């Protein structure tokens, strides 16, 4: 259990459910880059390691036909952008030119969010739920010790004024680090979604998770 108070509680994806439940439970309305993306595990690591350098490049934005309908995918990182290109639709259909033209506006918006993320200070809890499965991304995987070691190093390199922990939920296949010892900063747990089929998951399950781990939010920061 964590049993700690944090100055910032921030979603690392992999789905919108994480940000929704953090905001609902802790009454937080601060936005960060990963809130409403579907971000595969490898993509999350790549984003931090690259300093977010390849976000919203026109040549990487692809319209894909998923089982649930058309969507916009970043072919470089594997991110699914379900909410960033609504204005690129005509009669509900994505227009390739409008998708490309929306990249500048998205870059402006997310450069602000990325700057806010890498400028934070204090005690931080990063929370990630599930592995960010994307239908047309072939590197979908759960976290392992190698990817976690890379993620921790890249967070340390990008966000220099924080003490942080990472809570991985329903997304891990490791017990110890590469040296045989528990991985520092990492906590793992499971959200019981009680067969809830809605995208936001089970409020009850998330309430139980936050309560069990004794996670507190410092509203005065």
Protein backbone atom coordinates (compact mmCIF):
# COMPACT_ATOMS: atom_id res chain seq x y z
CA UNK A 1 0.00 0.00 0.00
CA UNK A 2 1.11 3.56 -0.66
CA UNK A 3 -0.43 5.42 2.32
CA UNK A 4 0.96 8.73 1.08
CA UNK A 5 -0.20 12.24 0.23
CA UNK A 6 0.70 13.64 -3.17
CA UNK A 7 0.88 17.13 -4.63
CA UNK A 8 -0.05 15.83 -8.09
CA UNK A 9 -1.92 12.70 -9.18
CA UNK A 10 -1.48 12.25 -12.92
CA UNK A 11 -2.76 9.75 -15.47
CA UNK A 12 -0.29 7.90 -17.69
CA UNK A 13 -3.14 6.26 -19.65
CA UNK A 14 -3.39 3.73 -21.09
CA UNK A 15 -7.09 4.68 -21.49
CA UNK A 16 -9.39 7.61 -20.69
CA UNK A 17 -10.74 5.69 -17.68
CA UNK A 18 -7.70 6.60 -15.60
CA UNK A 19 -8.04 10.37 -15.94
CA UNK A 20 -11.81 10.22 -15.47
CA UNK A 21 -11.55 8.32 -12.19
CA UNK A 22 -8.70 10.48 -10.84
CA UNK A 23 -10.71 13.63 -11.54
CA UNK A 24 -13.92 12.19 -10.11
CA UNK A 25 -12.49 10.80 -6.87
CA UNK A 26 -10.04 13.55 -5.97
CA UNK A 27 -11.98 16.43 -7.54
CA UNK A 28 -9.03 17.34 -9.75
CA UNK A 29 -9.55 19.28 -12.97
CA UNK A 30 -5.93 19.78 -14.06
CA UNK A 31 -5.24 18.40 -17.54
CA UNK A 32 -2.14 16.52 -18.69
CA UNK A 33 -1.11 15.02 -22.05
CA UNK A 34 -2.13 11.38 -21.50
CA UNK A 35 -5.63 12.03 -20.12
CA UNK A 36 -7.75 11.23 -23.17
CA UNK A 37 -5.43 9.18 -25.38
CA UNK A 38 -5.19 5.44 -25.74
CA UNK A 39 -1.44 5.11 -25.21
CA UNK A 40 0.19 1.68 -25.65
CA UNK A 41 2.87 0.75 -23.13
CA UNK A 42 5.80 0.97 -25.55
CA UNK A 43 4.46 4.29 -26.86
CA UNK A 44 4.42 5.73 -23.33
CA UNK A 45 8.11 4.92 -22.91
CA UNK A 46 8.93 6.22 -26.39
CA UNK A 47 7.15 9.52 -25.71
CA UNK A 48 9.21 10.26 -22.62
CA UNK A 49 12.46 9.07 -24.19
CA UNK A 50 11.94 11.22 -27.29
CA UNK A 51 10.83 14.27 -25.30
CA UNK A 52 7.44 14.08 -27.09
CA UNK A 53 9.23 15.18 -30.25
CA UNK A 54 7.04 13.44 -32.83
CA UNK A 55 3.55 14.35 -31.65
CA UNK A 56 0.99 15.36 -34.28
CA UNK A 57 3.27 15.23 -37.28
CA UNK A 58 1.02 15.36 -40.33
CA UNK A 59 2.69 12.43 -42.04
CA UNK A 60 2.04 10.19 -39.02
CA UNK A 61 -1.68 10.84 -38.60
CA UNK A 62 -3.54 7.92 -40.17
CA UNK A 63 -7.26 7.32 -40.49
CA UNK A 64 -7.88 3.67 -39.58
CA UNK A 65 -11.05 1.64 -39.72
CA UNK A 66 -11.39 -0.09 -36.36
CA UNK A 67 -14.08 -2.60 -35.49
CA UNK A 68 -15.88 0.20 -33.64
CA UNK A 69 -15.56 2.66 -36.53
CA UNK A 70 -13.05 5.10 -38.05
CA UNK A 71 -10.37 6.64 -35.81
CA UNK A 72 -7.17 8.65 -36.05
CA UNK A 73 -3.95 6.90 -35.09
CA UNK A 74 -0.40 8.19 -34.77
CA UNK A 75 1.61 5.67 -36.80
CA UNK A 76 4.85 6.76 -35.09
CA UNK A 77 3.87 6.29 -31.43
CA UNK A 78 0.77 4.11 -31.82
CA UNK A 79 -1.45 6.55 -29.92
CA UNK A 80 -5.17 6.49 -30.67
CA UNK A 81 -6.52 10.05 -30.82
CA UNK A 82 -10.25 9.57 -30.29
CA UNK A 83 -10.90 13.12 -29.11
CA UNK A 84 -8.38 15.32 -30.91
CA UNK A 85 -9.80 15.36 -34.42
CA UNK A 86 -13.55 15.78 -34.00
CA UNK A 87 -13.42 18.98 -36.06
CA UNK A 88 -11.84 17.03 -38.92
CA UNK A 89 -15.09 15.24 -39.67
CA UNK A 90 -17.62 16.05 -42.39
CA UNK A 91 -20.98 14.42 -41.76
CA UNK A 92 -19.29 12.13 -39.28
CA UNK A 93 -16.52 11.06 -41.65
CA UNK A 94 -12.85 12.00 -41.19
CA UNK A 95 -11.47 14.11 -44.01
CA UNK A 96 -7.71 13.50 -44.59
CA UNK A 97 -7.00 17.15 -45.38
CA UNK A 98 -8.82 18.36 -42.26
CA UNK A 99 -6.97 15.78 -40.16
CA UNK A 100 -3.66 17.20 -41.40
CA UNK A 101 -4.78 20.79 -40.91
CA UNK A 102 -5.83 20.06 -37.29
CA UNK A 103 -2.28 19.00 -36.38
CA UNK A 104 -1.09 22.58 -35.83
CA UNK A 105 -3.89 23.33 -33.38
CA UNK A 106 -3.26 20.08 -31.53
CA UNK A 107 0.46 20.82 -31.36
CA UNK A 108 -0.28 24.18 -29.79
CA UNK A 109 -2.63 22.63 -27.24
CA UNK A 110 -0.39 19.74 -26.30
CA UNK A 111 2.84 21.73 -26.21
CA UNK A 112 1.21 23.62 -23.35
CA UNK A 113 0.20 20.39 -21.60
CA UNK A 114 3.63 18.82 -22.08
CA UNK A 115 5.34 21.92 -20.73
CA UNK A 116 3.03 21.87 -17.73
CA UNK A 117 3.85 18.21 -17.12
CA UNK A 118 7.61 18.58 -17.26
CA UNK A 119 7.49 21.72 -15.10
CA UNK A 120 5.72 20.21 -12.08
CA UNK A 121 7.44 19.87 -8.74
CA UNK A 122 6.76 18.09 -5.46
CA UNK A 123 5.42 14.63 -4.70
CA UNK A 124 3.77 12.95 -7.69
CA UNK A 125 1.77 9.78 -8.16
CA UNK A 126 1.51 8.57 -11.75
CA UNK A 127 -1.32 6.09 -12.33
CA UNK A 128 -1.68 3.84 -15.35
CA UNK A 129 -4.57 1.47 -16.01
CA UNK A 130 -4.23 -1.41 -18.47
CA UNK A 131 -1.85 -1.64 -21.44
CA UNK A 132 -3.41 0.71 -23.99
CA UNK A 133 -4.43 -1.90 -26.55
CA UNK A 134 -4.81 -0.52 -30.07
CA UNK A 135 -6.13 -2.64 -32.92
CA UNK A 136 -3.55 -1.58 -35.52
CA UNK A 137 -0.51 -1.24 -33.24
CA UNK A 138 1.69 -4.34 -33.35
CA UNK A 139 3.80 -3.61 -30.26
CA UNK A 140 1.04 -3.94 -27.66
CA UNK A 141 2.49 -5.42 -24.48
CA UNK A 142 2.21 -5.25 -20.73
CA UNK A 143 4.96 -3.60 -18.70
CA UNK A 144 8.01 -5.66 -17.86
CA UNK A 145 11.10 -4.78 -15.85
CA UNK A 146 13.03 -3.61 -18.93
CA UNK A 147 10.32 -1.17 -20.06
CA UNK A 148 9.81 0.07 -16.50
CA UNK A 149 13.51 0.74 -16.06
CA UNK A 150 13.47 2.80 -19.25
CA UNK A 151 10.33 4.68 -18.17
CA UNK A 152 11.70 5.58 -14.75
CA UNK A 153 14.97 6.79 -16.26
CA UNK A 154 13.20 8.90 -18.89
CA UNK A 155 10.82 10.46 -16.35
CA UNK A 156 13.81 11.36 -14.20
CA UNK A 157 15.50 12.93 -17.23
CA UNK A 158 12.43 14.94 -18.29
CA UNK A 159 10.84 15.98 -14.98
CA UNK A 160 13.65 16.94 -12.67
CA UNK A 161 11.93 18.51 -9.65
CA UNK A 162 9.73 15.68 -8.42
CA UNK A 163 9.68 12.69 -6.13
CA UNK A 164 7.40 10.16 -7.78
CA UNK A 165 5.80 6.77 -7.58
CA UNK A 166 4.03 4.86 -10.33
CA UNK A 167 0.92 2.80 -9.64
CA UNK A 168 0.32 0.21 -12.38
CA UNK A 169 -3.18 -1.22 -12.52
CA UNK A 170 -4.05 -4.39 -14.43
CA UNK A 171 -0.87 -3.90 -16.49
CA UNK A 172 2.24 -5.81 -15.44
CA UNK A 173 3.94 -9.17 -15.90
CA UNK A 174 6.88 -8.95 -13.53
CA UNK A 175 7.64 -9.48 -9.85
CA UNK A 176 11.15 -8.10 -9.53
CA UNK A 177 13.60 -5.97 -11.40
CA UNK A 178 16.45 -7.18 -13.53
CA UNK A 179 18.68 -7.39 -10.44
CA UNK A 180 16.22 -9.65 -8.61
CA UNK A 181 14.99 -6.93 -6.25
CA UNK A 182 11.66 -5.05 -6.20
CA UNK A 183 11.62 -2.09 -8.57
CA UNK A 184 11.89 1.16 -6.66
CA UNK A 185 9.02 3.63 -7.16
CA UNK A 186 6.68 0.97 -8.62
CA UNK A 187 3.45 -0.25 -7.04
CA UNK A 188 1.04 -2.69 -8.66
CA UNK A 189 -2.61 -3.40 -8.02
CA UNK A 190 -5.87 -4.45 -9.67
CA UNK A 191 -9.05 -2.47 -10.25
CA UNK A 192 -12.21 -4.52 -9.90
CA UNK A 193 -14.48 -3.11 -12.60
CA UNK A 194 -17.40 -5.34 -11.56
CA UNK A 195 -18.14 -6.20 -15.18
CA UNK A 196 -18.85 -2.55 -15.92
CA UNK A 197 -18.87 -2.14 -19.70
CA UNK A 198 -18.82 1.67 -19.87
CA UNK A 199 -15.54 3.34 -20.87
CA UNK A 200 -15.16 5.03 -17.47
CA UNK A 201 -15.15 1.78 -15.53
CA UNK A 202 -16.65 1.08 -12.12
CA UNK A 203 -16.78 3.97 -9.66
CA UNK A 204 -17.08 1.44 -6.85
CA UNK A 205 -14.01 -0.45 -7.97
CA UNK A 206 -11.91 2.69 -8.23
CA UNK A 207 -13.19 4.00 -4.87
CA UNK A 208 -12.09 0.74 -3.27
CA UNK A 209 -8.68 0.95 -4.93
CA UNK A 210 -7.95 4.53 -3.84
CA UNK A 211 -9.18 3.81 -0.30
CA UNK A 212 -7.24 0.57 0.06
CA UNK A 213 -3.96 2.21 -0.98
CA UNK A 214 -4.50 5.23 1.28
CA UNK A 215 -3.88 7.69 -1.57
CA UNK A 216 -4.40 11.30 -0.51
CA UNK A 217 -4.29 14.48 -2.56
CA UNK A 218 -2.88 17.77 -1.29
CA UNK A 219 -5.45 20.25 -2.61
CA UNK A 220 -3.44 23.22 -1.37
CA UNK A 221 -0.64 22.95 -3.94
